[in-house]
Amino acid sequence: MDISWEFSVGWFVLGLLILIAGGLVVIFYRQISENLASGVSSYDRVKLFGLIGCGVGLLIMMNLHTLLLRFFVSLIIR
């Protein structure tokens, strides 16, 4: 099982953009929820999606998504 980590500038930039987008969703969740979702009832849901976006952005920034995908695929296919 060859699972190795390597840094990639392209993935870093893409992850940084996703992290910034998730951060903007967390900052402006009220306006997003009122204009695009069902208002006050979806404040927490929109903020949760922003936090999930921040987490995914961090994983992609550190190029850990490929490491995790290789690990899970190697568990399934042996």
PDB file of N, CA and C in Angstrom:
ATOM      1  N   MET A   1       0.854  -1.171   0.000  1.00  0.00           N
ATOM      2  CA  MET A   1       0.000   0.000   0.000  1.00  0.00           C
ATOM      3  C   MET A   1       0.898   1.231   0.000  1.00  0.00           C
ATOM      4  N   ASP A   2       0.972   1.932  -1.128  1.00  0.00           N
ATOM      5  CA  ASP A   2       1.837   3.097  -1.261  1.00  0.00           C
ATOM      6  C   ASP A   2       1.009   4.362  -1.099  1.00  0.00           C
ATOM      7  N   ILE A   3       0.990   4.893   0.103  1.00  0.00           N
ATOM      8  CA  ILE A   3       0.277   6.137   0.375  1.00  0.00           C
ATOM      9  C   ILE A   3       1.320   7.176   0.757  1.00  0.00           C
ATOM     10  N   SER A   4       1.546   8.126  -0.149  1.00  0.00           N
ATOM     11  CA  SER A   4       2.532   9.167   0.109  1.00  0.00           C
ATOM     12  C   SER A   4       1.899  10.538  -0.113  1.00  0.00           C
ATOM     13  N   TRP A   5       2.450  11.539   0.561  1.00  0.00           N
ATOM     14  CA  TRP A   5       1.930  12.891   0.476  1.00  0.00           C
ATOM     15  C   TRP A   5       2.919  13.765  -0.271  1.00  0.00           C
ATOM     16  N   GLU A   6       2.413  14.599  -1.150  1.00  0.00           N
ATOM     17  CA  GLU A   6       3.269  15.552  -1.845  1.00  0.00           C
ATOM     18  C   GLU A   6       2.525  16.868  -2.003  1.00  0.00           C
ATOM     19  N   PHE A   7       3.252  17.971  -1.911  1.00  0.00           N
ATOM     20  CA  PHE A   7       2.674  19.307  -2.006  1.00  0.00           C
ATOM     21  C   PHE A   7       2.465  19.693  -3.457  1.00  0.00           C
ATOM     22  N   SER A   8       1.352  20.364  -3.742  1.00  0.00           N
ATOM     23  CA  SER A   8       1.060  20.830  -5.089  1.00  0.00           C
ATOM     24  C   SER A   8       0.542  22.268  -5.009  1.00  0.00           C
ATOM     25  N   VAL A   9       1.169  23.163  -5.763  1.00  0.00           N
ATOM     26  CA  VAL A   9       0.782  24.573  -5.745  1.00  0.00           C
ATOM     27  C   VAL A   9      -0.618  24.756  -6.331  1.00  0.00           C
ATOM     28  N   GLY A  10      -0.955  24.008  -7.360  1.00  0.00           N
ATOM     29  CA  GLY A  10      -2.276  24.117  -7.974  1.00  0.00           C
ATOM     30  C   GLY A  10      -3.400  23.760  -7.005  1.00  0.00           C
ATOM     31  N   TRP A  11      -3.237  22.638  -6.303  1.00  0.00           N
ATOM     32  CA  TRP A  11      -4.239  22.252  -5.312  1.00  0.00           C
ATOM     33  C   TRP A  11      -4.288  23.251  -4.166  1.00  0.00           C
ATOM     34  N   PHE A  12      -3.131  23.843  -3.804  1.00  0.00           N
ATOM     35  CA  PHE A  12      -3.091  24.834  -2.745  1.00  0.00           C
ATOM     36  C   PHE A  12      -3.927  26.053  -3.112  1.00  0.00           C
ATOM     37  N   VAL A  13      -3.775  26.529  -4.342  1.00  0.00           N
ATOM     38  CA  VAL A  13      -4.522  27.704  -4.789  1.00  0.00           C
ATOM     39  C   VAL A  13      -6.017  27.391  -4.864  1.00  0.00           C
ATOM     40  N   LEU A  14      -6.370  26.232  -5.410  1.00  0.00           N
ATOM     41  CA  LEU A  14      -7.779  25.845  -5.486  1.00  0.00           C
ATOM     42  C   LEU A  14      -8.381  25.712  -4.085  1.00  0.00           C
ATOM     43  N   GLY A  15      -7.654  25.085  -3.170  1.00  0.00           N
ATOM     44  CA  GLY A  15      -8.135  24.961  -1.801  1.00  0.00           C
ATOM     45  C   GLY A  15      -8.282  26.301  -1.123  1.00  0.00           C
ATOM     46  N   LEU A  16      -7.368  27.224  -1.393  1.00  0.00           N
ATOM     47  CA  LEU A  16      -7.455  28.564  -0.826  1.00  0.00           C
ATOM     48  C   LEU A  16      -8.689  29.293  -1.339  1.00  0.00           C
ATOM     49  N   LEU A  17      -8.989  29.137  -2.624  1.00  0.00           N
ATOM     50  CA  LEU A  17     -10.203  29.753  -3.175  1.00  0.00           C
ATOM     51  C   LEU A  17     -11.467  29.161  -2.552  1.00  0.00           C
ATOM     52  N   ILE A  18     -11.499  27.856  -2.355  1.00  0.00           N
ATOM     53  CA  ILE A  18     -12.654  27.204  -1.719  1.00  0.00           C
ATOM     54  C   ILE A  18     -12.767  27.654  -0.268  1.00  0.00           C
ATOM     55  N   LEU A  19     -11.638  27.785   0.420  1.00  0.00           N
ATOM     56  CA  LEU A  19     -11.636  28.249   1.805  1.00  0.00           C
ATOM     57  C   LEU A  19     -12.155  29.681   1.899  1.00  0.00           C
ATOM     58  N   ILE A  20     -11.748  30.543   0.989  1.00  0.00           N
ATOM     59  CA  ILE A  20     -12.237  31.921   0.986  1.00  0.00           C
ATOM     60  C   ILE A  20     -13.735  31.969   0.714  1.00  0.00           C
ATOM     61  N   ALA A  21     -14.204  31.159  -0.237  1.00  0.00           N
ATOM     62  CA  ALA A  21     -15.640  31.115  -0.541  1.00  0.00           C
ATOM     63  C   ALA A  21     -16.434  30.622   0.668  1.00  0.00           C
ATOM     64  N   GLY A  22     -15.941  29.580   1.345  1.00  0.00           N
ATOM     65  CA  GLY A  22     -16.621  29.083   2.545  1.00  0.00           C
ATOM     66  C   GLY A  22     -16.612  30.118   3.651  1.00  0.00           C
ATOM     67  N   GLY A  23     -15.497  30.832   3.801  1.00  0.00           N
ATOM     68  CA  GLY A  23     -15.429  31.893   4.806  1.00  0.00           C
ATOM     69  C   GLY A  23     -16.407  33.018   4.520  1.00  0.00           C
ATOM     70  N   LEU A  24     -16.553  33.374   3.243  1.00  0.00           N
ATOM     71  CA  LEU A  24     -17.526  34.406   2.885  1.00  0.00           C
ATOM     72  C   LEU A  24     -18.953  33.951   3.164  1.00  0.00           C
ATOM     73  N   VAL A  25     -19.235  32.674   2.939  1.00  0.00           N
ATOM     74  CA  VAL A  25     -20.569  32.147   3.256  1.00  0.00           C
ATOM     75  C   VAL A  25     -20.813  32.222   4.764  1.00  0.00           C
ATOM     76  N   VAL A  26     -19.798  31.914   5.578  1.00  0.00           N
ATOM     77  CA  VAL A  26     -19.957  31.983   7.026  1.00  0.00           C
ATOM     78  C   VAL A  26     -20.138  33.426   7.482  1.00  0.00           C
ATOM     79  N   ILE A  27     -19.415  34.361   6.862  1.00  0.00           N
ATOM     80  CA  ILE A  27     -19.532  35.766   7.261  1.00  0.00           C
ATOM     81  C   ILE A  27     -20.883  36.348   6.865  1.00  0.00           C
ATOM     82  N   PHE A  28     -21.335  36.073   5.659  1.00  0.00           N
ATOM     83  CA  PHE A  28     -22.568  36.663   5.144  1.00  0.00           C
ATOM     84  C   PHE A  28     -23.730  35.678   5.127  1.00  0.00           C
ATOM     85  N   TYR A  29     -23.798  34.777   6.117  1.00  0.00           N
ATOM     86  CA  TYR A  29     -24.831  33.739   6.090  1.00  0.00           C
ATOM     87  C   TYR A  29     -26.234  34.307   6.219  1.00  0.00           C
ATOM     88  N   ARG A  30     -26.405  35.408   6.931  1.00  0.00           N
ATOM     89  CA  ARG A  30     -27.748  35.985   7.083  1.00  0.00           C
ATOM     90  C   ARG A  30     -28.281  36.505   5.754  1.00  0.00           C
ATOM     91  N   GLN A  31     -27.455  37.270   5.051  1.00  0.00           N
ATOM     92  CA  GLN A  31     -27.896  37.807   3.763  1.00  0.00           C
ATOM     93  C   GLN A  31     -28.126  36.689   2.751  1.00  0.00           C
ATOM     94  N   ILE A  32     -27.249  35.694   2.735  1.00  0.00           N
ATOM     95  CA  ILE A  32     -27.415  34.566   1.811  1.00  0.00           C
ATOM     96  C   ILE A  32     -28.694  33.808   2.125  1.00  0.00           C
ATOM     97  N   SER A  33     -28.943  33.591   3.409  1.00  0.00           N
ATOM     98  CA  SER A  33     -30.125  32.835   3.804  1.00  0.00           C
ATOM     99  C   SER A  33     -31.408  33.590   3.485  1.00  0.00           C
ATOM    100  N   GLU A  34     -31.415  34.886   3.707  1.00  0.00           N
ATOM    101  CA  GLU A  34     -32.630  35.655   3.440  1.00  0.00           C
ATOM    102  C   GLU A  34     -32.911  35.788   1.950  1.00  0.00           C
ATOM    103  N   ASN A  35     -31.862  35.884   1.140  1.00  0.00           N
ATOM    104  CA  ASN A  35     -32.069  36.097  -0.293  1.00  0.00           C
ATOM    105  C   ASN A  35     -32.151  34.819  -1.109  1.00  0.00           C
ATOM    106  N   LEU A  36     -31.450  33.756  -0.703  1.00  0.00           N
ATOM    107  CA  LEU A  36     -31.398  32.553  -1.521  1.00  0.00           C
ATOM    108  C   LEU A  36     -32.075  31.339  -0.877  1.00  0.00           C
ATOM    109  N   ALA A  37     -32.274  31.377   0.434  1.00  0.00           N
ATOM    110  CA  ALA A  37     -32.880  30.231   1.119  1.00  0.00           C
ATOM    111  C   ALA A  37     -34.212  30.684   1.710  1.00  0.00           C
ATOM    112  N   SER A  38     -34.681  29.960   2.712  1.00  0.00           N
ATOM    113  CA  SER A  38     -36.009  30.251   3.254  1.00  0.00           C
ATOM    114  C   SER A  38     -35.977  31.166   4.470  1.00  0.00           C
ATOM    115  N   GLY A  39     -34.996  32.036   4.570  1.00  0.00           N
ATOM    116  CA  GLY A  39     -34.993  33.039   5.631  1.00  0.00           C
ATOM    117  C   GLY A  39     -34.374  32.556   6.925  1.00  0.00           C
ATOM    118  N   VAL A  40     -34.969  33.017   8.041  1.00  0.00           N
ATOM    119  CA  VAL A  40     -34.419  32.776   9.370  1.00  0.00           C
ATOM    120  C   VAL A  40     -34.324  31.285   9.692  1.00  0.00           C
ATOM    121  N   SER A  41     -35.212  30.488   9.161  1.00  0.00           N
ATOM    122  CA  SER A  41     -35.220  29.061   9.486  1.00  0.00           C
ATOM    123  C   SER A  41     -34.005  28.328   8.919  1.00  0.00           C
ATOM    124  N   SER A  42     -33.293  28.931   7.991  1.00  0.00           N
ATOM    125  CA  SER A  42     -32.154  28.239   7.393  1.00  0.00           C
ATOM    126  C   SER A  42     -30.817  28.897   7.726  1.00  0.00           C
ATOM    127  N   TYR A  43     -30.770  29.777   8.725  1.00  0.00           N
ATOM    128  CA  TYR A  43     -29.504  30.421   9.112  1.00  0.00           C
ATOM    129  C   TYR A  43     -28.436  29.389   9.460  1.00  0.00           C
ATOM    130  N   ASP A  44     -28.792  28.465  10.344  1.00  0.00           N
ATOM    131  CA  ASP A  44     -27.805  27.478  10.795  1.00  0.00           C
ATOM    132  C   ASP A  44     -27.369  26.548   9.671  1.00  0.00           C
ATOM    133  N   ARG A  45     -28.286  26.203   8.792  1.00  0.00           N
ATOM    134  CA  ARG A  45     -27.949  25.309   7.683  1.00  0.00           C
ATOM    135  C   ARG A  45     -26.965  25.971   6.722  1.00  0.00           C
ATOM    136  N   VAL A  46     -27.176  27.253   6.408  1.00  0.00           N
ATOM    137  CA  VAL A  46     -26.271  27.967   5.511  1.00  0.00           C
ATOM    138  C   VAL A  46     -24.902  28.127   6.162  1.00  0.00           C
ATOM    139  N   LYS A  47     -24.879  28.419   7.471  1.00  0.00           N
ATOM    140  CA  LYS A  47     -23.603  28.540   8.174  1.00  0.00           C
ATOM    141  C   LYS A  47     -22.883  27.195   8.218  1.00  0.00           C
ATOM    142  N   LEU A  48     -23.610  26.101   8.383  1.00  0.00           N
ATOM    143  CA  LEU A  48     -23.010  24.767   8.381  1.00  0.00           C
ATOM    144  C   LEU A  48     -22.389  24.450   7.020  1.00  0.00           C
ATOM    145  N   PHE A  49     -23.084  24.796   5.926  1.00  0.00           N
ATOM    146  CA  PHE A  49     -22.521  24.574   4.598  1.00  0.00           C
ATOM    147  C   PHE A  49     -21.242  25.382   4.406  1.00  0.00           C
ATOM    148  N   GLY A  50     -21.200  26.599   4.945  1.00  0.00           N
ATOM    149  CA  GLY A  50     -19.988  27.405   4.866  1.00  0.00           C
ATOM    150  C   GLY A  50     -18.845  26.784   5.636  1.00  0.00           C
ATOM    151  N   LEU A  51     -19.133  26.244   6.826  1.00  0.00           N
ATOM    152  CA  LEU A  51     -18.092  25.585   7.620  1.00  0.00           C
ATOM    153  C   LEU A  51     -17.603  24.299   6.951  1.00  0.00           C
ATOM    154  N   ILE A  52     -18.509  23.557   6.335  1.00  0.00           N
ATOM    155  CA  ILE A  52     -18.110  22.358   5.594  1.00  0.00           C
ATOM    156  C   ILE A  52     -17.221  22.763   4.417  1.00  0.00           C
ATOM    157  N   GLY A  53     -17.558  23.852   3.749  1.00  0.00           N
ATOM    158  CA  GLY A  53     -16.728  24.355   2.665  1.00  0.00           C
ATOM    159  C   GLY A  53     -15.344  24.750   3.146  1.00  0.00           C
ATOM    160  N   CYS A  54     -15.261  25.346   4.332  1.00  0.00           N
ATOM    161  CA  CYS A  54     -13.954  25.698   4.903  1.00  0.00           C
ATOM    162  C   CYS A  54     -13.134  24.435   5.188  1.00  0.00           C
ATOM    163  N   GLY A  55     -13.763  23.413   5.722  1.00  0.00           N
ATOM    164  CA  GLY A  55     -13.056  22.164   6.004  1.00  0.00           C
ATOM    165  C   GLY A  55     -12.568  21.487   4.743  1.00  0.00           C
ATOM    166  N   VAL A  56     -13.413  21.461   3.720  1.00  0.00           N
ATOM    167  CA  VAL A  56     -13.013  20.856   2.444  1.00  0.00           C
ATOM    168  C   VAL A  56     -11.885  21.674   1.813  1.00  0.00           C
ATOM    169  N   GLY A  57     -11.981  22.996   1.919  1.00  0.00           N
ATOM    170  CA  GLY A  57     -10.927  23.853   1.391  1.00  0.00           C
ATOM    171  C   GLY A  57      -9.594  23.608   2.076  1.00  0.00           C
ATOM    172  N   LEU A  58      -9.616  23.416   3.389  1.00  0.00           N
ATOM    173  CA  LEU A  58      -8.376  23.107   4.116  1.00  0.00           C
ATOM    174  C   LEU A  58      -7.797  21.769   3.688  1.00  0.00           C
ATOM    175  N   LEU A  59      -8.657  20.760   3.525  1.00  0.00           N
ATOM    176  CA  LEU A  59      -8.170  19.455   3.070  1.00  0.00           C
ATOM    177  C   LEU A  59      -7.536  19.543   1.689  1.00  0.00           C
ATOM    178  N   ILE A  60      -8.168  20.290   0.796  1.00  0.00           N
ATOM    179  CA  ILE A  60      -7.633  20.420  -0.552  1.00  0.00           C
ATOM    180  C   ILE A  60      -6.360  21.256  -0.543  1.00  0.00           C
ATOM    181  N   MET A  61      -6.321  22.302   0.297  1.00  0.00           N
ATOM    182  CA  MET A  61      -5.121  23.141   0.385  1.00  0.00           C
ATOM    183  C   MET A  61      -3.891  22.343   0.788  1.00  0.00           C
ATOM    184  N   MET A  62      -4.070  21.432   1.711  1.00  0.00           N
ATOM    185  CA  MET A  62      -2.943  20.628   2.191  1.00  0.00           C
ATOM    186  C   MET A  62      -2.738  19.367   1.355  1.00  0.00           C
ATOM    187  N   ASN A  63      -3.532  19.219   0.287  1.00  0.00           N
ATOM    188  CA  ASN A  63      -3.461  18.077  -0.616  1.00  0.00           C
ATOM    189  C   ASN A  63      -3.710  16.759   0.124  1.00  0.00           C
ATOM    190  N   LEU A  64      -4.542  16.809   1.134  1.00  0.00           N
ATOM    191  CA  LEU A  64      -4.884  15.600   1.884  1.00  0.00           C
ATOM    192  C   LEU A  64      -6.058  14.858   1.269  1.00  0.00           C
ATOM    193  N   HIS A  65      -6.793  15.507   0.372  1.00  0.00           N
ATOM    194  CA  HIS A  65      -7.937  14.826  -0.228  1.00  0.00           C
ATOM    195  C   HIS A  65      -7.485  13.638  -1.071  1.00  0.00           C
ATOM    196  N   THR A  66      -6.378  13.763  -1.788  1.00  0.00           N
ATOM    197  CA  THR A  66      -5.899  12.630  -2.578  1.00  0.00           C
ATOM    198  C   THR A  66      -5.396  11.514  -1.669  1.00  0.00           C
ATOM    199  N   LEU A  67      -4.772  11.878  -0.559  1.00  0.00           N
ATOM    200  CA  LEU A  67      -4.303  10.880   0.398  1.00  0.00           C
ATOM    201  C   LEU A  67      -5.481  10.102   0.987  1.00  0.00           C
ATOM    202  N   LEU A  68      -6.546  10.822   1.371  1.00  0.00           N
ATOM    203  CA  LEU A  68      -7.727  10.160   1.929  1.00  0.00           C
ATOM    204  C   LEU A  68      -8.430   9.296   0.884  1.00  0.00           C
ATOM    205  N   LEU A  69      -8.545   9.796  -0.343  1.00  0.00           N
ATOM    206  CA  LEU A  69      -9.194   9.010  -1.393  1.00  0.00           C
ATOM    207  C   LEU A  69      -8.417   7.738  -1.702  1.00  0.00           C
ATOM    208  N   ARG A  70      -7.083   7.843  -1.788  1.00  0.00           N
ATOM    209  CA  ARG A  70      -6.269   6.641  -2.014  1.00  0.00           C
ATOM    210  C   ARG A  70      -6.432   5.639  -0.881  1.00  0.00           C
ATOM    211  N   PHE A  71      -6.493   6.138   0.345  1.00  0.00           N
ATOM    212  CA  PHE A  71      -6.645   5.251   1.501  1.00  0.00           C
ATOM    213  C   PHE A  71      -7.972   4.504   1.447  1.00  0.00           C
ATOM    214  N   PHE A  72      -9.074   5.234   1.190  1.00  0.00           N
ATOM    215  CA  PHE A  72     -10.391   4.581   1.160  1.00  0.00           C
ATOM    216  C   PHE A  72     -10.533   3.643  -0.030  1.00  0.00           C
ATOM    217  N   VAL A  73      -9.973   3.995  -1.161  1.00  0.00           N
ATOM    218  CA  VAL A  73     -10.028   3.103  -2.330  1.00  0.00           C
ATOM    219  C   VAL A  73      -9.197   1.851  -2.061  1.00  0.00           C
ATOM    220  N   SER A  74      -8.054   2.009  -1.373  1.00  0.00           N
ATOM    221  CA  SER A  74      -7.237   0.831  -1.079  1.00  0.00           C
ATOM    222  C   SER A  74      -7.917  -0.089  -0.064  1.00  0.00           C
ATOM    223  N   LEU A  75      -8.800   0.475   0.773  1.00  0.00           N
ATOM    224  CA  LEU A  75      -9.564  -0.376   1.686  1.00  0.00           C
ATOM    225  C   LEU A  75     -10.600  -1.206   0.926  1.00  0.00           C
ATOM    226  N   ILE A  76     -11.194  -0.607  -0.099  1.00  0.00           N
ATOM    227  CA  ILE A  76     -12.231  -1.284  -0.857  1.00  0.00           C
ATOM    228  C   ILE A  76     -11.623  -2.282  -1.845  1.00  0.00           C
ATOM    229  N   ILE A  77     -10.593  -1.842  -2.573  1.00  0.00           N
ATOM    230  CA  ILE A  77      -9.967  -2.670  -3.595  1.00  0.00           C
ATOM    231  C   ILE A  77      -8.628  -3.149  -3.060  1.00  0.00           C
ATOM    232  N   ARG A  78      -8.516  -4.422  -2.842  1.00  0.00           N
ATOM    233  CA  ARG A  78      -7.254  -4.974  -2.323  1.00  0.00           C
ATOM    234  C   ARG A  78      -6.634  -5.894  -3.305  1.00  0.00           C
TER     235      ARG A  78
END
